Amino acid sequence: MSAKKVTDSTKFTVEESTDSGFLSQVSSEPKEVKNVEEDQGVCVTGDLIDIESTTGTQPAAAAPPAPAITVTENQDFLLALLFRQDEDGDTQLHIAAVHGCIKTVAMIIKLCQDKAWLDITNDYGHTALHLAIMSHHVVVARMLVMAGASLAIRDHTGETPLHTAVHTKQDNYIEALLEPAPGHQRIRAAILDQKNYNGQACVHLAASAGRVDLLKRLVFYGADINAREGRAGWTPLHIAARSGNKDVAVHLLSKCQGVSRAARDYAGRTPRRLARRSPLEQLFNSYDAGDSDSETDDDEYDSDSEQLFERLSEACGVSIDVV
């Protein structure tokens, strides 16, 4: 299920009863539901209901009551149904996560013996955790994290659930993913600094979006504020300088301990160099005044390196703005 399909609920059918007939007696005629907005119990697809439906020729009123399905007697059968992938590679957990079906997600987590099943990816590389964040169901996302779902799984663009959370621009989503869960170790820095296929870590996405609040959250949990992205070698401070974002630049220069003002990109340029002829030039000059390391910035800068970098970028089809 892709990001374009997360709101498509015409694919699913549910029973009239509050548990959809999944944990109790199952009705013989499922009904199509046009919009699933609330968790009315167990959220399941039509295929799952058809398998459980009675197939006798007698009228429903004359048929004997179907026996209740119990987890202890039919656990393997239930797991096979719950984690069977459809034509898009989605399992029942993917679908429940998209629609925010809290009770269904809780039931599947309880039944799941191998926590690696929580990380099954669909045809777009999305796990249930990706989809919960993409569809703005932060409670479901937190449930999956506490159950042991991985934050390191990449989709087809190389983005982890944490990248997805930064794209939503909601700092509480980042908190839901990164806050340590009972019995789980603190999130490793390798996950925080993992890059997508454009070479961007989460701090680069936050700086590009101009979101100081997201940067604060990421740094609080241990992200490397001097991480260099993979295309031009820019740190978040380079990005702020090049884009002219004063709020991000001021925050990085005055509030983030350990930010390197002398870091150089792949063309040998410092953030101060990128800020030239921009509204931030005076700001960088004021912070660098009296700094012996920054006074030699212009002397050490090699224009030949910049020209070589530009030629290589063009030859590789990489578009990088060069000042």
C-alpha atoms as a PDB file:
ATOM      1  CA  MET A   1       0.000   0.000   0.000  1.00  0.00           C
ATOM      2  CA  SER A   2       1.634   3.230  -1.130  1.00  0.00           C
ATOM      3  CA  ALA A   3       1.277   6.705   0.340  1.00  0.00           C
ATOM      4  CA  LYS A   4      -1.279   7.492  -2.372  1.00  0.00           C
ATOM      5  CA  LYS A   5      -3.495   4.631  -1.234  1.00  0.00           C
ATOM      6  CA  VAL A   6      -3.490   5.050   2.532  1.00  0.00           C
ATOM      7  CA  THR A   7      -6.905   6.689   2.547  1.00  0.00           C
ATOM      8  CA  ASP A   8      -8.517   4.195   0.161  1.00  0.00           C
ATOM      9  CA  SER A   9     -10.950   2.222   2.285  1.00  0.00           C
ATOM     10  CA  THR A  10     -13.173   0.808  -0.472  1.00  0.00           C
ATOM     11  CA  LYS A  11     -10.912  -2.210  -0.536  1.00  0.00           C
ATOM     12  CA  PHE A  12     -12.156  -3.526   2.775  1.00  0.00           C
ATOM     13  CA  THR A  13     -15.334  -5.217   4.020  1.00  0.00           C
ATOM     14  CA  VAL A  14     -16.337  -5.735   7.614  1.00  0.00           C
ATOM     15  CA  GLU A  15     -19.206  -7.391   9.434  1.00  0.00           C
ATOM     16  CA  GLU A  16     -21.925  -5.489  11.244  1.00  0.00           C
ATOM     17  CA  SER A  17     -20.915  -6.900  14.628  1.00  0.00           C
ATOM     18  CA  THR A  18     -18.374  -4.932  16.622  1.00  0.00           C
ATOM     19  CA  ASP A  19     -15.698  -7.622  16.324  1.00  0.00           C
ATOM     20  CA  SER A  20     -16.352  -8.121  12.579  1.00  0.00           C
ATOM     21  CA  GLY A  21     -17.132 -11.782  13.191  1.00  0.00           C
ATOM     22  CA  PHE A  22     -13.449 -12.531  13.574  1.00  0.00           C
ATOM     23  CA  LEU A  23     -13.332 -13.455  17.231  1.00  0.00           C
ATOM     24  CA  SER A  24     -16.903 -14.670  17.532  1.00  0.00           C
ATOM     25  CA  GLN A  25     -19.683 -16.021  15.311  1.00  0.00           C
ATOM     26  CA  VAL A  26     -19.175 -14.988  11.657  1.00  0.00           C
ATOM     27  CA  SER A  27     -21.990 -13.732   9.457  1.00  0.00           C
ATOM     28  CA  SER A  28     -22.408 -15.265   6.025  1.00  0.00           C
ATOM     29  CA  GLU A  29     -22.828 -12.052   4.050  1.00  0.00           C
ATOM     30  CA  PRO A  30     -20.108  -9.390   4.460  1.00  0.00           C
ATOM     31  CA  LYS A  31     -21.031  -5.855   3.607  1.00  0.00           C
ATOM     32  CA  GLU A  32     -18.913  -3.320   1.797  1.00  0.00           C
ATOM     33  CA  VAL A  33     -17.962  -0.237   3.804  1.00  0.00           C
ATOM     34  CA  LYS A  34     -17.175   2.963   1.933  1.00  0.00           C
ATOM     35  CA  ASN A  35     -15.293   4.747   4.686  1.00  0.00           C
ATOM     36  CA  VAL A  36     -13.547   3.253   7.689  1.00  0.00           C
ATOM     37  CA  GLU A  37     -12.789   6.144  10.001  1.00  0.00           C
ATOM     38  CA  GLU A  38     -12.903   4.607  13.462  1.00  0.00           C
ATOM     39  CA  ASP A  39     -11.669   1.389  14.982  1.00  0.00           C
ATOM     40  CA  GLN A  40     -14.930  -0.486  15.489  1.00  0.00           C
ATOM     41  CA  GLY A  41     -13.170  -3.578  16.748  1.00  0.00           C
ATOM     42  CA  VAL A  42     -11.245  -5.846  14.412  1.00  0.00           C
ATOM     43  CA  CYS A  43     -10.478  -4.342  11.011  1.00  0.00           C
ATOM     44  CA  VAL A  44     -10.058  -7.087   8.411  1.00  0.00           C
ATOM     45  CA  THR A  45     -10.275  -7.432   4.643  1.00  0.00           C
ATOM     46  CA  GLY A  46     -12.951  -9.145   2.640  1.00  0.00           C
ATOM     47  CA  ASP A  47     -10.645 -12.056   1.738  1.00  0.00           C
ATOM     48  CA  LEU A  48     -10.227 -12.945   5.386  1.00  0.00           C
ATOM     49  CA  ILE A  49     -13.961 -12.892   6.028  1.00  0.00           C
ATOM     50  CA  ASP A  50     -14.706 -15.035   2.972  1.00  0.00           C
ATOM     51  CA  ILE A  51     -12.403 -17.740   4.264  1.00  0.00           C
ATOM     52  CA  GLU A  52     -14.213 -17.836   7.572  1.00  0.00           C
ATOM     53  CA  SER A  53     -17.739 -17.518   6.197  1.00  0.00           C
ATOM     54  CA  THR A  54     -20.098 -20.486   6.267  1.00  0.00           C
ATOM     55  CA  THR A  55     -20.695 -22.106   2.891  1.00  0.00           C
ATOM     56  CA  GLY A  56     -23.768 -24.302   3.575  1.00  0.00           C
ATOM     57  CA  THR A  57     -26.838 -24.120   1.358  1.00  0.00           C
ATOM     58  CA  GLN A  58     -29.300 -23.886   4.241  1.00  0.00           C
ATOM     59  CA  PRO A  59     -30.724 -20.483   5.196  1.00  0.00           C
ATOM     60  CA  ALA A  60     -28.655 -18.616   7.754  1.00  0.00           C
ATOM     61  CA  ALA A  61     -31.434 -18.820  10.352  1.00  0.00           C
ATOM     62  CA  ALA A  62     -31.562 -22.627  10.133  1.00  0.00           C
ATOM     63  CA  ALA A  63     -27.800 -23.130  10.151  1.00  0.00           C
ATOM     64  CA  PRO A  64     -26.203 -24.222  13.414  1.00  0.00           C
ATOM     65  CA  PRO A  65     -24.187 -21.511  15.174  1.00  0.00           C
ATOM     66  CA  ALA A  66     -20.533 -21.352  14.134  1.00  0.00           C
ATOM     67  CA  PRO A  67     -18.087 -22.222  16.901  1.00  0.00           C
ATOM     68  CA  ALA A  68     -16.072 -19.355  18.324  1.00  0.00           C
ATOM     69  CA  ILE A  69     -12.462 -19.229  17.126  1.00  0.00           C
ATOM     70  CA  THR A  70     -10.013 -19.374  20.002  1.00  0.00           C
ATOM     71  CA  VAL A  71      -6.383 -18.349  19.787  1.00  0.00           C
ATOM     72  CA  THR A  72      -5.140 -21.415  21.654  1.00  0.00           C
ATOM     73  CA  GLU A  73      -6.792 -23.858  19.219  1.00  0.00           C
ATOM     74  CA  ASN A  74      -6.242 -22.056  15.925  1.00  0.00           C
ATOM     75  CA  GLN A  75      -3.236 -19.818  16.451  1.00  0.00           C
ATOM     76  CA  ASP A  76      -1.252 -21.096  13.462  1.00  0.00           C
ATOM     77  CA  PHE A  77      -4.308 -20.713  11.228  1.00  0.00           C
ATOM     78  CA  LEU A  78      -4.904 -17.154  12.428  1.00  0.00           C
ATOM     79  CA  LEU A  79      -1.284 -16.159  11.941  1.00  0.00           C
ATOM     80  CA  ALA A  80      -1.323 -17.538   8.398  1.00  0.00           C
ATOM     81  CA  LEU A  81      -4.352 -15.382   7.633  1.00  0.00           C
ATOM     82  CA  LEU A  82      -3.137 -12.266   9.400  1.00  0.00           C
ATOM     83  CA  PHE A  83       0.279 -12.232   7.716  1.00  0.00           C
ATOM     84  CA  ARG A  84      -0.783 -13.415   4.272  1.00  0.00           C
ATOM     85  CA  GLN A  85       0.134 -10.702   1.766  1.00  0.00           C
ATOM     86  CA  ASP A  86      -2.350  -9.409  -0.810  1.00  0.00           C
ATOM     87  CA  GLU A  87      -1.687  -8.174  -4.353  1.00  0.00           C
ATOM     88  CA  ASP A  88       0.069  -5.067  -2.976  1.00  0.00           C
ATOM     89  CA  GLY A  89       2.105  -7.040  -0.465  1.00  0.00           C
ATOM     90  CA  ASP A  90       0.007  -5.772   2.436  1.00  0.00           C
ATOM     91  CA  THR A  91      -0.821  -7.912   5.447  1.00  0.00           C
ATOM     92  CA  GLN A  92      -3.672  -7.350   7.882  1.00  0.00           C
ATOM     93  CA  LEU A  93      -1.193  -5.439  10.054  1.00  0.00           C
ATOM     94  CA  HIS A  94      -0.427  -3.014   7.209  1.00  0.00           C
ATOM     95  CA  ILE A  95      -4.135  -2.420   6.638  1.00  0.00           C
ATOM     96  CA  ALA A  96      -4.928  -1.989  10.320  1.00  0.00           C
ATOM     97  CA  ALA A  97      -2.021   0.470  10.696  1.00  0.00           C
ATOM     98  CA  VAL A  98      -3.235   2.559   7.743  1.00  0.00           C
ATOM     99  CA  HIS A  99      -6.722   2.883   9.213  1.00  0.00           C
ATOM    100  CA  GLY A 100      -5.602   3.355  12.815  1.00  0.00           C
ATOM    101  CA  CYS A 101      -7.401   0.230  14.061  1.00  0.00           C
ATOM    102  CA  ILE A 102      -5.899   0.196  17.541  1.00  0.00           C
ATOM    103  CA  LYS A 103      -7.689  -2.944  18.756  1.00  0.00           C
ATOM    104  CA  THR A 104      -6.724  -4.902  15.660  1.00  0.00           C
ATOM    105  CA  VAL A 105      -3.081  -3.849  15.901  1.00  0.00           C
ATOM    106  CA  ALA A 106      -3.038  -4.812  19.580  1.00  0.00           C
ATOM    107  CA  MET A 107      -4.520  -8.227  18.785  1.00  0.00           C
ATOM    108  CA  ILE A 108      -2.016  -8.930  15.999  1.00  0.00           C
ATOM    109  CA  ILE A 109       0.899  -7.874  18.191  1.00  0.00           C
ATOM    110  CA  LYS A 110      -0.328 -10.203  20.927  1.00  0.00           C
ATOM    111  CA  LEU A 111      -0.639 -13.129  18.514  1.00  0.00           C
ATOM    112  CA  CYS A 112       2.689 -12.476  16.781  1.00  0.00           C
ATOM    113  CA  GLN A 113       5.245 -14.962  18.073  1.00  0.00           C
ATOM    114  CA  ASP A 114       8.139 -13.712  15.949  1.00  0.00           C
ATOM    115  CA  LYS A 115       8.549  -9.928  16.192  1.00  0.00           C
ATOM    116  CA  ALA A 116      10.323  -9.928  12.808  1.00  0.00           C
ATOM    117  CA  TRP A 117       6.857 -10.379  11.271  1.00  0.00           C
ATOM    118  CA  LEU A 118       6.067  -6.837  12.384  1.00  0.00           C
ATOM    119  CA  ASP A 119       8.669  -5.665   9.858  1.00  0.00           C
ATOM    120  CA  ILE A 120       7.235  -7.367   6.765  1.00  0.00           C
ATOM    121  CA  THR A 121       7.419  -4.934   3.842  1.00  0.00           C
ATOM    122  CA  ASN A 122       4.844  -4.490   1.097  1.00  0.00           C
ATOM    123  CA  ASP A 123       5.568  -3.953  -2.587  1.00  0.00           C
ATOM    124  CA  TYR A 124       6.604  -0.355  -1.895  1.00  0.00           C
ATOM    125  CA  GLY A 125       9.037  -1.315   0.855  1.00  0.00           C
ATOM    126  CA  HIS A 126       6.766   0.024   3.587  1.00  0.00           C
ATOM    127  CA  THR A 127       6.388  -1.662   6.928  1.00  0.00           C
ATOM    128  CA  ALA A 128       3.329  -1.215   9.110  1.00  0.00           C
ATOM    129  CA  LEU A 129       5.334   1.388  11.045  1.00  0.00           C
ATOM    130  CA  HIS A 130       5.978   3.392   7.855  1.00  0.00           C
ATOM    131  CA  LEU A 131       2.264   3.351   7.057  1.00  0.00           C
ATOM    132  CA  ALA A 132       1.162   4.298  10.564  1.00  0.00           C
ATOM    133  CA  ILE A 133       3.326   7.430  10.372  1.00  0.00           C
ATOM    134  CA  MET A 134       2.329   8.225   6.784  1.00  0.00           C
ATOM    135  CA  SER A 135      -1.369   8.043   7.689  1.00  0.00           C
ATOM    136  CA  HIS A 136      -0.869  10.075  10.900  1.00  0.00           C
ATOM    137  CA  HIS A 137      -1.775   7.369  13.420  1.00  0.00           C
ATOM    138  CA  VAL A 138       0.838   8.168  16.027  1.00  0.00           C
ATOM    139  CA  VAL A 139      -0.703   5.929  18.725  1.00  0.00           C
ATOM    140  CA  VAL A 140      -0.452   2.902  16.436  1.00  0.00           C
ATOM    141  CA  ALA A 141       3.138   3.852  15.613  1.00  0.00           C
ATOM    142  CA  ARG A 142       4.027   3.972  19.300  1.00  0.00           C
ATOM    143  CA  MET A 143       2.373   0.589  19.867  1.00  0.00           C
ATOM    144  CA  LEU A 144       4.493  -0.953  17.122  1.00  0.00           C
ATOM    145  CA  VAL A 145       7.694   0.576  18.514  1.00  0.00           C
ATOM    146  CA  MET A 146       6.960  -0.769  21.982  1.00  0.00           C
ATOM    147  CA  ALA A 147       6.241  -4.187  20.434  1.00  0.00           C
ATOM    148  CA  GLY A 148       9.705  -4.239  18.848  1.00  0.00           C
ATOM    149  CA  ALA A 149       9.132  -2.986  15.285  1.00  0.00           C
ATOM    150  CA  SER A 150      12.376  -1.869  13.631  1.00  0.00           C
ATOM    151  CA  LEU A 151      13.209   1.768  12.907  1.00  0.00           C
ATOM    152  CA  ALA A 152      15.950   0.786  10.457  1.00  0.00           C
ATOM    153  CA  ILE A 153      13.887  -0.759   7.636  1.00  0.00           C
ATOM    154  CA  ARG A 154      14.165   1.251   4.404  1.00  0.00           C
ATOM    155  CA  ASP A 155      11.475   1.657   1.773  1.00  0.00           C
ATOM    156  CA  HIS A 156      12.158   1.877  -1.969  1.00  0.00           C
ATOM    157  CA  THR A 157      13.471   5.437  -1.609  1.00  0.00           C
ATOM    158  CA  GLY A 158      15.818   4.421   1.180  1.00  0.00           C
ATOM    159  CA  GLU A 159      13.769   6.144   3.863  1.00  0.00           C
ATOM    160  CA  THR A 160      13.210   4.735   7.325  1.00  0.00           C
ATOM    161  CA  PRO A 161      10.119   5.377   9.473  1.00  0.00           C
ATOM    162  CA  LEU A 162      12.135   8.175  11.073  1.00  0.00           C
ATOM    163  CA  HIS A 163      12.627   9.883   7.701  1.00  0.00           C
ATOM    164  CA  THR A 164       8.888   9.544   7.174  1.00  0.00           C
ATOM    165  CA  ALA A 165       8.227  11.154  10.555  1.00  0.00           C
ATOM    166  CA  VAL A 166      10.419  14.142   9.644  1.00  0.00           C
ATOM    167  CA  HIS A 167       8.490  14.570   6.384  1.00  0.00           C
ATOM    168  CA  THR A 168       5.269  14.901   8.390  1.00  0.00           C
ATOM    169  CA  LYS A 169       6.859  17.873  10.203  1.00  0.00           C
ATOM    170  CA  GLN A 170       5.364  16.798  13.534  1.00  0.00           C
ATOM    171  CA  ASP A 171       7.871  16.668  16.377  1.00  0.00           C
ATOM    172  CA  ASN A 172       5.617  14.422  18.473  1.00  0.00           C
ATOM    173  CA  TYR A 173       5.913  11.744  15.761  1.00  0.00           C
ATOM    174  CA  ILE A 174       9.673  11.766  16.240  1.00  0.00           C
ATOM    175  CA  GLU A 175       9.161  11.472  19.979  1.00  0.00           C
ATOM    176  CA  ALA A 176       6.800   8.506  19.514  1.00  0.00           C
ATOM    177  CA  LEU A 177       9.477   6.688  17.534  1.00  0.00           C
ATOM    178  CA  LEU A 178      12.562   7.596  19.546  1.00  0.00           C
ATOM    179  CA  GLU A 179      11.398   7.677  23.146  1.00  0.00           C
ATOM    180  CA  PRO A 180      12.877   4.551  24.808  1.00  0.00           C
ATOM    181  CA  ALA A 181      10.310   1.809  25.351  1.00  0.00           C
ATOM    182  CA  PRO A 182      10.265  -0.385  28.481  1.00  0.00           C
ATOM    183  CA  GLY A 183      12.684  -3.261  28.014  1.00  0.00           C
ATOM    184  CA  HIS A 184      14.260  -1.708  24.903  1.00  0.00           C
ATOM    185  CA  GLN A 185      17.681  -0.137  24.590  1.00  0.00           C
ATOM    186  CA  ARG A 186      18.128   3.502  23.690  1.00  0.00           C
ATOM    187  CA  ILE A 187      17.975   4.164  19.950  1.00  0.00           C
ATOM    188  CA  ARG A 188      21.372   3.732  18.343  1.00  0.00           C
ATOM    189  CA  ALA A 189      23.056   6.670  16.625  1.00  0.00           C
ATOM    190  CA  ALA A 190      23.385   4.563  13.469  1.00  0.00           C
ATOM    191  CA  ILE A 191      19.609   4.635  13.079  1.00  0.00           C
ATOM    192  CA  LEU A 192      19.364   8.352  13.786  1.00  0.00           C
ATOM    193  CA  ASP A 193      22.027   9.132  11.176  1.00  0.00           C
ATOM    194  CA  GLN A 194      20.885   6.624   8.549  1.00  0.00           C
ATOM    195  CA  LYS A 195      20.687   8.192   5.078  1.00  0.00           C
ATOM    196  CA  ASN A 196      18.134   7.757   2.328  1.00  0.00           C
ATOM    197  CA  TYR A 197      19.108   7.116  -1.293  1.00  0.00           C
ATOM    198  CA  ASN A 198      19.610  10.851  -1.804  1.00  0.00           C
ATOM    199  CA  GLY A 199      22.260  10.796   0.917  1.00  0.00           C
ATOM    200  CA  GLN A 200      20.111  12.705   3.412  1.00  0.00           C
ATOM    201  CA  ALA A 201      19.933  11.932   7.099  1.00  0.00           C
ATOM    202  CA  CYS A 202      17.003  13.198   9.140  1.00  0.00           C
ATOM    203  CA  VAL A 203      18.899  16.304  10.285  1.00  0.00           C
ATOM    204  CA  HIS A 204      19.349  17.318   6.641  1.00  0.00           C
ATOM    205  CA  LEU A 205      15.638  16.937   5.935  1.00  0.00           C
ATOM    206  CA  ALA A 206      14.785  18.996   9.012  1.00  0.00           C
ATOM    207  CA  ALA A 207      17.265  21.748   8.072  1.00  0.00           C
ATOM    208  CA  SER A 208      15.981  21.830   4.481  1.00  0.00           C
ATOM    209  CA  ALA A 209      12.420  22.193   5.783  1.00  0.00           C
ATOM    210  CA  GLY A 210      13.503  25.036   8.076  1.00  0.00           C
ATOM    211  CA  ARG A 211      12.171  23.246  11.148  1.00  0.00           C
ATOM    212  CA  VAL A 212      14.114  24.177  14.273  1.00  0.00           C
ATOM    213  CA  ASP A 213      11.758  22.105  16.453  1.00  0.00           C
ATOM    214  CA  LEU A 214      12.568  18.928  14.519  1.00  0.00           C
ATOM    215  CA  LEU A 215      16.302  19.603  14.759  1.00  0.00           C
ATOM    216  CA  LYS A 216      15.982  20.051  18.509  1.00  0.00           C
ATOM    217  CA  ARG A 217      14.237  16.690  18.871  1.00  0.00           C
ATOM    218  CA  LEU A 218      16.742  14.845  16.715  1.00  0.00           C
ATOM    219  CA  VAL A 219      19.768  16.321  18.491  1.00  0.00           C
ATOM    220  CA  PHE A 220      18.199  15.599  21.877  1.00  0.00           C
ATOM    221  CA  TYR A 221      18.007  11.905  20.990  1.00  0.00           C
ATOM    222  CA  GLY A 222      21.595  11.824  19.739  1.00  0.00           C
ATOM    223  CA  ALA A 223      21.631  12.707  16.033  1.00  0.00           C
ATOM    224  CA  ASP A 224      24.936  14.005  14.625  1.00  0.00           C
ATOM    225  CA  ILE A 225      24.420  17.700  13.954  1.00  0.00           C
ATOM    226  CA  ASN A 226      27.598  17.782  11.837  1.00  0.00           C
ATOM    227  CA  ALA A 227      26.605  14.844   9.623  1.00  0.00           C
ATOM    228  CA  ARG A 228      27.382  15.445   5.954  1.00  0.00           C
ATOM    229  CA  GLU A 229      24.847  14.522   3.313  1.00  0.00           C
ATOM    230  CA  GLY A 230      26.030  12.329   0.469  1.00  0.00           C
ATOM    231  CA  ARG A 231      25.661  14.548  -2.611  1.00  0.00           C
ATOM    232  CA  ALA A 232      27.524  17.769  -1.787  1.00  0.00           C
ATOM    233  CA  GLY A 233      28.914  16.999   1.658  1.00  0.00           C
ATOM    234  CA  TRP A 234      26.758  19.628   3.321  1.00  0.00           C
ATOM    235  CA  THR A 235      26.091  19.704   7.046  1.00  0.00           C
ATOM    236  CA  PRO A 236      22.826  21.175   8.356  1.00  0.00           C
ATOM    237  CA  LEU A 237      24.685  24.474   8.811  1.00  0.00           C
ATOM    238  CA  HIS A 238      25.722  24.429   5.143  1.00  0.00           C
ATOM    239  CA  ILE A 239      22.080  23.864   4.202  1.00  0.00           C
ATOM    240  CA  ALA A 240      20.887  26.749   6.381  1.00  0.00           C
ATOM    241  CA  ALA A 241      23.565  29.045   4.951  1.00  0.00           C
ATOM    242  CA  ARG A 242      22.799  28.139   1.337  1.00  0.00           C
ATOM    243  CA  SER A 243      19.023  28.425   1.745  1.00  0.00           C
ATOM    244  CA  GLY A 244      19.263  31.661   3.743  1.00  0.00           C
ATOM    245  CA  ASN A 245      17.160  30.283   6.596  1.00  0.00           C
ATOM    246  CA  LYS A 246      17.990  32.614   9.462  1.00  0.00           C
ATOM    247  CA  ASP A 247      16.052  30.764  12.175  1.00  0.00           C
ATOM    248  CA  VAL A 248      17.890  27.482  11.542  1.00  0.00           C
ATOM    249  CA  ALA A 249      21.246  29.225  11.196  1.00  0.00           C
ATOM    250  CA  VAL A 250      20.844  31.169  14.455  1.00  0.00           C
ATOM    251  CA  HIS A 251      19.750  28.049  16.289  1.00  0.00           C
ATOM    252  CA  LEU A 252      22.695  26.019  15.017  1.00  0.00           C
ATOM    253  CA  LEU A 253      25.244  28.747  15.697  1.00  0.00           C
ATOM    254  CA  SER A 254      24.026  29.780  19.139  1.00  0.00           C
ATOM    255  CA  LYS A 255      22.140  26.849  20.643  1.00  0.00           C
ATOM    256  CA  CYS A 256      23.681  23.628  19.311  1.00  0.00           C
ATOM    257  CA  GLN A 257      26.834  22.774  21.166  1.00  0.00           C
ATOM    258  CA  GLY A 258      29.535  21.266  18.972  1.00  0.00           C
ATOM    259  CA  VAL A 259      28.362  22.632  15.635  1.00  0.00           C
ATOM    260  CA  SER A 260      31.353  22.994  13.325  1.00  0.00           C
ATOM    261  CA  ARG A 261      31.544  26.337  11.549  1.00  0.00           C
ATOM    262  CA  ALA A 262      34.722  25.232   9.787  1.00  0.00           C
ATOM    263  CA  ALA A 263      33.274  22.063   8.224  1.00  0.00           C
ATOM    264  CA  ARG A 264      33.918  21.893   4.484  1.00  0.00           C
ATOM    265  CA  ASP A 265      31.783  20.314   1.803  1.00  0.00           C
ATOM    266  CA  TYR A 266      33.130  18.243  -1.102  1.00  0.00           C
ATOM    267  CA  ALA A 267      34.105  21.445  -2.928  1.00  0.00           C
ATOM    268  CA  GLY A 268      36.024  22.733   0.090  1.00  0.00           C
ATOM    269  CA  ARG A 269      33.477  25.372   1.068  1.00  0.00           C
ATOM    270  CA  THR A 270      32.544  26.320   4.621  1.00  0.00           C
ATOM    271  CA  PRO A 271      29.024  27.424   5.639  1.00  0.00           C
ATOM    272  CA  ARG A 272      30.336  30.970   5.792  1.00  0.00           C
ATOM    273  CA  ARG A 273      31.414  30.731   2.164  1.00  0.00           C
ATOM    274  CA  LEU A 274      27.947  29.520   1.112  1.00  0.00           C
ATOM    275  CA  ALA A 275      26.391  32.452   2.986  1.00  0.00           C
ATOM    276  CA  ARG A 276      28.252  35.011   0.882  1.00  0.00           C
ATOM    277  CA  ARG A 277      26.102  37.520  -0.941  1.00  0.00           C
ATOM    278  CA  SER A 278      23.087  36.352   1.036  1.00  0.00           C
ATOM    279  CA  PRO A 279      21.146  37.905   3.935  1.00  0.00           C
ATOM    280  CA  LEU A 280      23.068  35.624   6.296  1.00  0.00           C
ATOM    281  CA  GLU A 281      26.535  36.875   5.371  1.00  0.00           C
ATOM    282  CA  GLN A 282      26.617  39.433   8.189  1.00  0.00           C
ATOM    283  CA  LEU A 283      25.305  36.864  10.662  1.00  0.00           C
ATOM    284  CA  PHE A 284      28.134  34.430   9.908  1.00  0.00           C
ATOM    285  CA  ASN A 285      30.686  37.231   9.974  1.00  0.00           C
ATOM    286  CA  SER A 286      29.527  38.276  13.442  1.00  0.00           C
ATOM    287  CA  TYR A 287      29.885  34.744  14.816  1.00  0.00           C
ATOM    288  CA  ASP A 288      33.248  34.230  13.125  1.00  0.00           C
ATOM    289  CA  ALA A 289      34.732  37.563  14.206  1.00  0.00           C
ATOM    290  CA  GLY A 290      37.926  36.984  16.127  1.00  0.00           C
ATOM    291  CA  ASP A 291      37.977  33.280  15.280  1.00  0.00           C
ATOM    292  CA  SER A 292      41.473  32.498  14.012  1.00  0.00           C
ATOM    293  CA  ASP A 293      40.251  29.400  12.201  1.00  0.00           C
ATOM    294  CA  SER A 294      37.689  31.335  10.182  1.00  0.00           C
ATOM    295  CA  GLU A 295      39.997  34.248   9.296  1.00  0.00           C
ATOM    296  CA  THR A 296      41.912  32.050   6.866  1.00  0.00           C
ATOM    297  CA  ASP A 297      38.752  30.765   5.211  1.00  0.00           C
ATOM    298  CA  ASP A 298      39.171  32.839   2.042  1.00  0.00           C
ATOM    299  CA  ASP A 299      42.910  32.155   1.817  1.00  0.00           C
ATOM    300  CA  GLU A 300      42.505  28.393   2.077  1.00  0.00           C
ATOM    301  CA  TYR A 301      39.519  28.197  -0.240  1.00  0.00           C
ATOM    302  CA  ASP A 302      40.509  26.666  -3.562  1.00  0.00           C
ATOM    303  CA  SER A 303      38.379  27.821  -6.497  1.00  0.00           C
ATOM    304  CA  ASP A 304      39.903  25.081  -8.655  1.00  0.00           C
ATOM    305  CA  SER A 305      38.428  22.478  -6.298  1.00  0.00           C
ATOM    306  CA  GLU A 306      35.010  24.061  -6.705  1.00  0.00           C
ATOM    307  CA  GLN A 307      35.275  24.011 -10.489  1.00  0.00           C
ATOM    308  CA  LEU A 308      36.376  20.365 -10.443  1.00  0.00           C
ATOM    309  CA  PHE A 309      33.505  19.489  -8.117  1.00  0.00           C
ATOM    310  CA  GLU A 310      31.036  21.245 -10.423  1.00  0.00           C
ATOM    311  CA  ARG A 311      32.311  19.371 -13.490  1.00  0.00           C
ATOM    312  CA  LEU A 312      32.144  16.015 -11.731  1.00  0.00           C
ATOM    313  CA  SER A 313      28.629  16.749 -10.480  1.00  0.00           C
ATOM    314  CA  GLU A 314      27.446  17.597 -13.977  1.00  0.00           C
ATOM    315  CA  ALA A 315      29.097  14.477 -15.419  1.00  0.00           C
ATOM    316  CA  CYS A 316      27.292  12.304 -12.872  1.00  0.00           C
ATOM    317  CA  GLY A 317      23.973  14.031 -13.442  1.00  0.00           C
ATOM    318  CA  VAL A 318      23.888  15.483  -9.917  1.00  0.00           C
ATOM    319  CA  SER A 319      22.470  18.985  -9.628  1.00  0.00           C
ATOM    320  CA  ILE A 320      24.199  20.957  -6.853  1.00  0.00           C
ATOM    321  CA  ASP A 321      24.025  24.755  -6.601  1.00  0.00           C
ATOM    322  CA  VAL A 322      27.502  26.265  -6.573  1.00  0.00           C
ATOM    323  CA  VAL A 323      28.084  29.855  -5.522  1.00  0.00           C
END
